[in-house]
């Protein structure tokens, strides 16, 4: 339970950082790195644990959304 709470709080911290970092017209390189790396990490967890049968295949929809976010970000700034 503590691990779930820890991960939840860390994801919340990342979200707050991204929200603060995107208040400018053009986000900084650091904000983009945080956004892309976080999206890739979360997508990889979804895919790996779905393939291993630990979580429902519905989580693959989240992985797709994360990868679309990465593609959109890389299409504009990478």
PDB file of N, CA and C in Angstrom:
ATOM      1  N   UNK A   1       0.809  -1.199   0.000  1.00  0.00           N
ATOM      2  CA  UNK A   1       0.000   0.000   0.000  1.00  0.00           C
ATOM      3  C   UNK A   1       0.861   1.274   0.000  1.00  0.00           C
ATOM      4  N   UNK A   2       1.926   1.253   0.755  1.00  0.00           N
ATOM      5  CA  UNK A   2       2.777   2.445   0.820  1.00  0.00           C
ATOM      6  C   UNK A   2       3.416   2.742  -0.527  1.00  0.00           C
ATOM      7  N   UNK A   3       3.731   1.684  -1.288  1.00  0.00           N
ATOM      8  CA  UNK A   3       4.351   1.892  -2.589  1.00  0.00           C
ATOM      9  C   UNK A   3       3.367   2.540  -3.561  1.00  0.00           C
ATOM     10  N   UNK A   4       2.129   2.104  -3.513  1.00  0.00           N
ATOM     11  CA  UNK A   4       1.091   2.702  -4.362  1.00  0.00           C
ATOM     12  C   UNK A   4       0.913   4.174  -4.013  1.00  0.00           C
ATOM     13  N   UNK A   5       0.901   4.476  -2.735  1.00  0.00           N
ATOM     14  CA  UNK A   5       0.761   5.863  -2.302  1.00  0.00           C
ATOM     15  C   UNK A   5       1.971   6.691  -2.724  1.00  0.00           C
ATOM     16  N   UNK A   6       3.155   6.122  -2.615  1.00  0.00           N
ATOM     17  CA  UNK A   6       4.380   6.831  -3.007  1.00  0.00           C
ATOM     18  C   UNK A   6       4.373   7.141  -4.494  1.00  0.00           C
ATOM     19  N   UNK A   7       4.049   6.145  -5.309  1.00  0.00           N
ATOM     20  CA  UNK A   7       4.002   6.355  -6.759  1.00  0.00           C
ATOM     21  C   UNK A   7       2.934   7.376  -7.116  1.00  0.00           C
ATOM     22  N   UNK A   8       1.792   7.289  -6.469  1.00  0.00           N
ATOM     23  CA  UNK A   8       0.726   8.261  -6.719  1.00  0.00           C
ATOM     24  C   UNK A   8       1.161   9.683  -6.407  1.00  0.00           C
ATOM     25  N   UNK A   9       1.854   9.856  -5.302  1.00  0.00           N
ATOM     26  CA  UNK A   9       2.348  11.192  -4.943  1.00  0.00           C
ATOM     27  C   UNK A   9       3.414  11.673  -5.913  1.00  0.00           C
ATOM     28  N   UNK A  10       4.303  10.781  -6.346  1.00  0.00           N
ATOM     29  CA  UNK A  10       5.338  11.178  -7.307  1.00  0.00           C
ATOM     30  C   UNK A  10       4.736  11.557  -8.662  1.00  0.00           C
ATOM     31  N   UNK A  11       3.749  10.809  -9.105  1.00  0.00           N
ATOM     32  CA  UNK A  11       3.079  11.153 -10.365  1.00  0.00           C
ATOM     33  C   UNK A  11       2.368  12.504 -10.229  1.00  0.00           C
ATOM     34  N   UNK A  12       1.808  12.763  -9.070  1.00  0.00           N
ATOM     35  CA  UNK A  12       1.180  14.064  -8.823  1.00  0.00           C
ATOM     36  C   UNK A  12       2.218  15.184  -8.867  1.00  0.00           C
ATOM     37  N   UNK A  13       3.383  14.954  -8.277  1.00  0.00           N
ATOM     38  CA  UNK A  13       4.457  15.953  -8.320  1.00  0.00           C
ATOM     39  C   UNK A  13       4.897  16.232  -9.752  1.00  0.00           C
ATOM     40  N   UNK A  14       5.011  15.186 -10.553  1.00  0.00           N
ATOM     41  CA  UNK A  14       5.381  15.361 -11.960  1.00  0.00           C
ATOM     42  C   UNK A  14       4.312  16.174 -12.679  1.00  0.00           C
ATOM     43  N   UNK A  15       3.050  15.861 -12.430  1.00  0.00           N
ATOM     44  CA  UNK A  15       1.957  16.589 -13.074  1.00  0.00           C
ATOM     45  C   UNK A  15       1.972  18.069 -12.695  1.00  0.00           C
ATOM     46  N   UNK A  16       2.228  18.362 -11.436  1.00  0.00           N
ATOM     47  CA  UNK A  16       2.303  19.762 -10.984  1.00  0.00           C
ATOM     48  C   UNK A  16       3.474  20.464 -11.660  1.00  0.00           C
ATOM     49  N   UNK A  17       4.607  19.783 -11.741  1.00  0.00           N
ATOM     50  CA  UNK A  17       5.780  20.366 -12.405  1.00  0.00           C
ATOM     51  C   UNK A  17       5.505  20.639 -13.873  1.00  0.00           C
ATOM     52  N   UNK A  18       4.844  19.701 -14.538  1.00  0.00           N
ATOM     53  CA  UNK A  18       4.518  19.899 -15.955  1.00  0.00           C
ATOM     54  C   UNK A  18       3.527  21.047 -16.135  1.00  0.00           C
ATOM     55  N   UNK A  19       2.548  21.128 -15.261  1.00  0.00           N
ATOM     56  CA  UNK A  19       1.588  22.227 -15.350  1.00  0.00           C
ATOM     57  C   UNK A  19       2.284  23.574 -15.163  1.00  0.00           C
ATOM     58  N   UNK A  20       3.186  23.637 -14.196  1.00  0.00           N
ATOM     59  CA  UNK A  20       3.929  24.886 -13.978  1.00  0.00           C
ATOM     60  C   UNK A  20       4.855  25.181 -15.151  1.00  0.00           C
ATOM     61  N   UNK A  21       5.472  24.148 -15.706  1.00  0.00           N
ATOM     62  CA  UNK A  21       6.418  24.330 -16.799  1.00  0.00           C
ATOM     63  C   UNK A  21       5.795  24.692 -18.132  1.00  0.00           C
ATOM     64  N   UNK A  22       4.497  24.454 -18.264  1.00  0.00           N
ATOM     65  CA  UNK A  22       3.835  24.766 -19.539  1.00  0.00           C
ATOM     66  C   UNK A  22       3.062  26.078 -19.490  1.00  0.00           C
ATOM     67  N   UNK A  23       3.274  26.854 -18.465  1.00  0.00           N
ATOM     68  CA  UNK A  23       2.590  28.154 -18.375  1.00  0.00           C
ATOM     69  C   UNK A  23       3.172  29.156 -19.355  1.00  0.00           C
ATOM     70  N   UNK A  24       4.350  28.884 -19.870  1.00  0.00           N
ATOM     71  CA  UNK A  24       4.969  29.759 -20.864  1.00  0.00           C
ATOM     72  C   UNK A  24       4.455  29.390 -22.254  1.00  0.00           C
ATOM     73  N   UNK A  25       4.681  30.286 -23.190  1.00  0.00           N
ATOM     74  CA  UNK A  25       4.297  29.989 -24.569  1.00  0.00           C
ATOM     75  C   UNK A  25       5.073  28.801 -25.112  1.00  0.00           C
ATOM     76  N   UNK A  26       6.349  28.724 -24.769  1.00  0.00           N
ATOM     77  CA  UNK A  26       7.212  27.656 -25.237  1.00  0.00           C
ATOM     78  C   UNK A  26       7.845  26.993 -24.018  1.00  0.00           C
ATOM     79  N   UNK A  27       7.435  25.755 -23.696  1.00  0.00           N
ATOM     80  CA  UNK A  27       8.000  25.085 -22.521  1.00  0.00           C
ATOM     81  C   UNK A  27       9.506  24.889 -22.647  1.00  0.00           C
ATOM     82  N   UNK A  28      10.187  24.864 -21.517  1.00  0.00           N
ATOM     83  CA  UNK A  28      11.642  24.674 -21.508  1.00  0.00           C
ATOM     84  C   UNK A  28      11.993  23.254 -21.932  1.00  0.00           C
ATOM     85  N   UNK A  29      13.255  23.067 -22.271  1.00  0.00           N
ATOM     86  CA  UNK A  29      13.745  21.732 -22.630  1.00  0.00           C
ATOM     87  C   UNK A  29      13.573  20.765 -21.460  1.00  0.00           C
ATOM     88  N   UNK A  30      13.791  21.252 -20.238  1.00  0.00           N
ATOM     89  CA  UNK A  30      13.633  20.407 -19.054  1.00  0.00           C
ATOM     90  C   UNK A  30      12.195  19.924 -18.893  1.00  0.00           C
ATOM     91  N   UNK A  31      11.244  20.804 -19.158  1.00  0.00           N
ATOM     92  CA  UNK A  31       9.837  20.421 -19.068  1.00  0.00           C
ATOM     93  C   UNK A  31       9.505  19.362 -20.115  1.00  0.00           C
ATOM     94  N   UNK A  32      10.030  19.527 -21.315  1.00  0.00           N
ATOM     95  CA  UNK A  32       9.781  18.542 -22.370  1.00  0.00           C
ATOM     96  C   UNK A  32      10.419  17.194 -22.041  1.00  0.00           C
ATOM     97  N   UNK A  33      11.617  17.213 -21.486  1.00  0.00           N
ATOM     98  CA  UNK A  33      12.274  15.963 -21.099  1.00  0.00           C
ATOM     99  C   UNK A  33      11.456  15.259 -20.017  1.00  0.00           C
ATOM    100  N   UNK A  34      10.972  16.009 -19.045  1.00  0.00           N
ATOM    101  CA  UNK A  34      10.146  15.430 -17.993  1.00  0.00           C
ATOM    102  C   UNK A  34       8.859  14.848 -18.563  1.00  0.00           C
ATOM    103  N   UNK A  35       8.231  15.563 -19.474  1.00  0.00           N
ATOM    104  CA  UNK A  35       6.981  15.092 -20.071  1.00  0.00           C
ATOM    105  C   UNK A  35       7.195  13.814 -20.878  1.00  0.00           C
ATOM    106  N   UNK A  36       8.192  13.817 -21.731  1.00  0.00           N
ATOM    107  CA  UNK A  36       8.440  12.655 -22.596  1.00  0.00           C
ATOM    108  C   UNK A  36       8.902  11.452 -21.774  1.00  0.00           C
ATOM    109  N   UNK A  37       9.849  11.655 -20.874  1.00  0.00           N
ATOM    110  CA  UNK A  37      10.359  10.523 -20.097  1.00  0.00           C
ATOM    111  C   UNK A  37       9.287   9.938 -19.177  1.00  0.00           C
ATOM    112  N   UNK A  38       8.461  10.784 -18.600  1.00  0.00           N
ATOM    113  CA  UNK A  38       7.380  10.288 -17.739  1.00  0.00           C
ATOM    114  C   UNK A  38       6.353   9.505 -18.542  1.00  0.00           C
ATOM    115  N   UNK A  39       5.990  10.028 -19.704  1.00  0.00           N
ATOM    116  CA  UNK A  39       5.015   9.335 -20.552  1.00  0.00           C
ATOM    117  C   UNK A  39       5.548   7.984 -21.008  1.00  0.00           C
ATOM    118  N   UNK A  40       6.825   7.933 -21.389  1.00  0.00           N
ATOM    119  CA  UNK A  40       7.415   6.669 -21.821  1.00  0.00           C
ATOM    120  C   UNK A  40       7.502   5.669 -20.666  1.00  0.00           C
ATOM    121  N   UNK A  41       7.843   6.143 -19.485  1.00  0.00           N
ATOM    122  CA  UNK A  41       7.921   5.257 -18.322  1.00  0.00           C
ATOM    123  C   UNK A  41       6.554   4.674 -17.982  1.00  0.00           C
ATOM    124  N   UNK A  42       5.544   5.515 -17.949  1.00  0.00           N
ATOM    125  CA  UNK A  42       4.198   5.037 -17.625  1.00  0.00           C
ATOM    126  C   UNK A  42       3.665   4.102 -18.701  1.00  0.00           C
ATOM    127  N   UNK A  43       3.930   4.397 -19.964  1.00  0.00           N
ATOM    128  CA  UNK A  43       3.492   3.519 -21.051  1.00  0.00           C
ATOM    129  C   UNK A  43       4.187   2.168 -20.956  1.00  0.00           C
ATOM    130  N   UNK A  44       5.471   2.176 -20.641  1.00  0.00           N
ATOM    131  CA  UNK A  44       6.195   0.909 -20.561  1.00  0.00           C
ATOM    132  C   UNK A  44       5.672   0.038 -19.415  1.00  0.00           C
ATOM    133  N   UNK A  45       5.323   0.652 -18.296  1.00  0.00           N
ATOM    134  CA  UNK A  45       4.741  -0.103 -17.182  1.00  0.00           C
ATOM    135  C   UNK A  45       3.416  -0.730 -17.616  1.00  0.00           C
ATOM    136  N   UNK A  46       2.588   0.037 -18.311  1.00  0.00           N
ATOM    137  CA  UNK A  46       1.308  -0.492 -18.801  1.00  0.00           C
ATOM    138  C   UNK A  46       1.516  -1.681 -19.725  1.00  0.00           C
ATOM    139  N   UNK A  47       2.423  -1.554 -20.669  1.00  0.00           N
ATOM    140  CA  UNK A  47       2.646  -2.616 -21.651  1.00  0.00           C
ATOM    141  C   UNK A  47       3.253  -3.852 -20.993  1.00  0.00           C
ATOM    142  N   UNK A  48       4.298  -3.680 -20.228  1.00  0.00           N
ATOM    143  CA  UNK A  48       4.984  -4.821 -19.603  1.00  0.00           C
ATOM    144  C   UNK A  48       4.038  -5.604 -18.705  1.00  0.00           C
ATOM    145  N   UNK A  49       3.293  -4.914 -17.869  1.00  0.00           N
ATOM    146  CA  UNK A  49       2.445  -5.619 -16.911  1.00  0.00           C
ATOM    147  C   UNK A  49       1.175  -6.166 -17.552  1.00  0.00           C
ATOM    148  N   UNK A  50       0.753  -5.591 -18.665  1.00  0.00           N
ATOM    149  CA  UNK A  50      -0.350  -6.192 -19.411  1.00  0.00           C
ATOM    150  C   UNK A  50       0.109  -7.484 -20.070  1.00  0.00           C
ATOM    151  N   UNK A  51       1.283  -7.458 -20.703  1.00  0.00           N
ATOM    152  CA  UNK A  51       1.824  -8.661 -21.349  1.00  0.00           C
ATOM    153  C   UNK A  51       2.051  -9.774 -20.325  1.00  0.00           C
ATOM    154  N   UNK A  52       2.482  -9.430 -19.140  1.00  0.00           N
ATOM    155  CA  UNK A  52       2.708 -10.423 -18.088  1.00  0.00           C
ATOM    156  C   UNK A  52       1.415 -10.904 -17.429  1.00  0.00           C
ATOM    157  N   UNK A  53       0.299 -10.295 -17.801  1.00  0.00           N
ATOM    158  CA  UNK A  53      -0.987 -10.715 -17.265  1.00  0.00           C
ATOM    159  C   UNK A  53      -1.284 -10.203 -15.868  1.00  0.00           C
ATOM    160  N   UNK A  54      -0.547  -9.209 -15.431  1.00  0.00           N
ATOM    161  CA  UNK A  54      -0.745  -8.671 -14.076  1.00  0.00           C
ATOM    162  C   UNK A  54      -1.824  -7.596 -14.009  1.00  0.00           C
ATOM    163  N   UNK A  55      -2.058  -6.926 -15.135  1.00  0.00           N
ATOM    164  CA  UNK A  55      -3.099  -5.902 -15.176  1.00  0.00           C
ATOM    165  C   UNK A  55      -3.967  -6.123 -16.411  1.00  0.00           C
ATOM    166  N   UNK A  56      -5.126  -5.526 -16.399  1.00  0.00           N
ATOM    167  CA  UNK A  56      -6.090  -5.685 -17.487  1.00  0.00           C
ATOM    168  C   UNK A  56      -5.577  -5.064 -18.789  1.00  0.00           C
ATOM    169  N   UNK A  57      -5.936  -5.675 -19.919  1.00  0.00           N
ATOM    170  CA  UNK A  57      -5.564  -5.103 -21.213  1.00  0.00           C
ATOM    171  C   UNK A  57      -6.113  -3.691 -21.453  1.00  0.00           C
ATOM    172  N   UNK A  58      -7.076  -3.267 -20.663  1.00  0.00           N
ATOM    173  CA  UNK A  58      -7.616  -1.916 -20.824  1.00  0.00           C
ATOM    174  C   UNK A  58      -6.519  -0.869 -20.586  1.00  0.00           C
ATOM    175  N   UNK A  59      -5.482  -1.233 -19.840  1.00  0.00           N
ATOM    176  CA  UNK A  59      -4.385  -0.300 -19.590  1.00  0.00           C
ATOM    177  C   UNK A  59      -3.568  -0.006 -20.840  1.00  0.00           C
ATOM    178  N   UNK A  60      -3.729  -0.840 -21.869  1.00  0.00           N
ATOM    179  CA  UNK A  60      -3.050  -0.554 -23.128  1.00  0.00           C
ATOM    180  C   UNK A  60      -3.590   0.732 -23.759  1.00  0.00           C
ATOM    181  N   UNK A  61      -4.846   1.068 -23.469  1.00  0.00           N
ATOM    182  CA  UNK A  61      -5.405   2.337 -23.963  1.00  0.00           C
ATOM    183  C   UNK A  61      -4.641   3.510 -23.355  1.00  0.00           C
ATOM    184  N   UNK A  62      -4.259   3.388 -22.101  1.00  0.00           N
ATOM    185  CA  UNK A  62      -3.461   4.436 -21.463  1.00  0.00           C
ATOM    186  C   UNK A  62      -2.086   4.518 -22.108  1.00  0.00           C
ATOM    187  N   UNK A  63      -1.503   3.359 -22.423  1.00  0.00           N
ATOM    188  CA  UNK A  63      -0.196   3.343 -23.081  1.00  0.00           C
ATOM    189  C   UNK A  63      -0.273   4.033 -24.437  1.00  0.00           C
ATOM    190  N   UNK A  64      -1.338   3.781 -25.171  1.00  0.00           N
ATOM    191  CA  UNK A  64      -1.519   4.435 -26.476  1.00  0.00           C
ATOM    192  C   UNK A  64      -1.623   5.943 -26.296  1.00  0.00           C
ATOM    193  N   UNK A  65      -2.390   6.384 -25.311  1.00  0.00           N
ATOM    194  CA  UNK A  65      -2.527   7.822 -25.055  1.00  0.00           C
ATOM    195  C   UNK A  65      -1.169   8.442 -24.699  1.00  0.00           C
ATOM    196  N   UNK A  66      -0.399   7.747 -23.887  1.00  0.00           N
ATOM    197  CA  UNK A  66       0.926   8.252 -23.515  1.00  0.00           C
ATOM    198  C   UNK A  66       1.830   8.355 -24.743  1.00  0.00           C
ATOM    199  N   UNK A  67       1.798   7.339 -25.599  1.00  0.00           N
ATOM    200  CA  UNK A  67       2.645   7.352 -26.795  1.00  0.00           C
ATOM    201  C   UNK A  67       2.198   8.423 -27.786  1.00  0.00           C
ATOM    202  N   UNK A  68       0.902   8.683 -27.857  1.00  0.00           N
ATOM    203  CA  UNK A  68       0.413   9.784 -28.703  1.00  0.00           C
ATOM    204  C   UNK A  68       0.902  11.127 -28.166  1.00  0.00           C
ATOM    205  N   UNK A  69       0.934  11.265 -26.854  1.00  0.00           N
ATOM    206  CA  UNK A  69       1.461  12.485 -26.242  1.00  0.00           C
ATOM    207  C   UNK A  69       2.935  12.666 -26.607  1.00  0.00           C
ATOM    208  N   UNK A  70       3.698  11.596 -26.512  1.00  0.00           N
ATOM    209  CA  UNK A  70       5.121  11.656 -26.872  1.00  0.00           C
ATOM    210  C   UNK A  70       5.279  12.037 -28.342  1.00  0.00           C
ATOM    211  N   UNK A  71       4.486  11.409 -29.199  1.00  0.00           N
ATOM    212  CA  UNK A  71       4.572  11.722 -30.636  1.00  0.00           C
ATOM    213  C   UNK A  71       4.233  13.178 -30.886  1.00  0.00           C
ATOM    214  N   UNK A  72       3.225  13.684 -30.209  1.00  0.00           N
ATOM    215  CA  UNK A  72       2.851  15.093 -30.372  1.00  0.00           C
ATOM    216  C   UNK A  72       3.940  16.024 -29.888  1.00  0.00           C
ATOM    217  N   UNK A  73       4.527  15.710 -28.747  1.00  0.00           N
ATOM    218  CA  UNK A  73       5.593  16.556 -28.221  1.00  0.00           C
ATOM    219  C   UNK A  73       6.825  16.500 -29.106  1.00  0.00           C
ATOM    220  N   UNK A  74       7.172  15.313 -29.554  1.00  0.00           N
ATOM    221  CA  UNK A  74       8.359  15.180 -30.416  1.00  0.00           C
ATOM    222  C   UNK A  74       8.114  15.772 -31.797  1.00  0.00           C
ATOM    223  N   UNK A  75       6.885  15.768 -32.234  1.00  0.00           N
ATOM    224  CA  UNK A  75       6.564  16.373 -33.523  1.00  0.00           C
ATOM    225  C   UNK A  75       6.696  17.878 -33.528  1.00  0.00           C
ATOM    226  N   UNK A  76       6.638  18.469 -32.333  1.00  0.00           N
ATOM    227  CA  UNK A  76       6.729  19.921 -32.255  1.00  0.00           C
ATOM    228  C   UNK A  76       8.085  20.432 -31.815  1.00  0.00           C
ATOM    229  N   UNK A  77       8.799  19.648 -30.952  1.00  0.00           N
ATOM    230  CA  UNK A  77      10.043  20.184 -30.387  1.00  0.00           C
ATOM    231  C   UNK A  77      11.240  19.249 -30.402  1.00  0.00           C
ATOM    232  N   UNK A  78      11.081  17.961 -30.545  1.00  0.00           N
ATOM    233  CA  UNK A  78      12.233  17.037 -30.433  1.00  0.00           C
ATOM    234  C   UNK A  78      13.152  17.157 -31.632  1.00  0.00           C
TER     235      UNK A  78
END
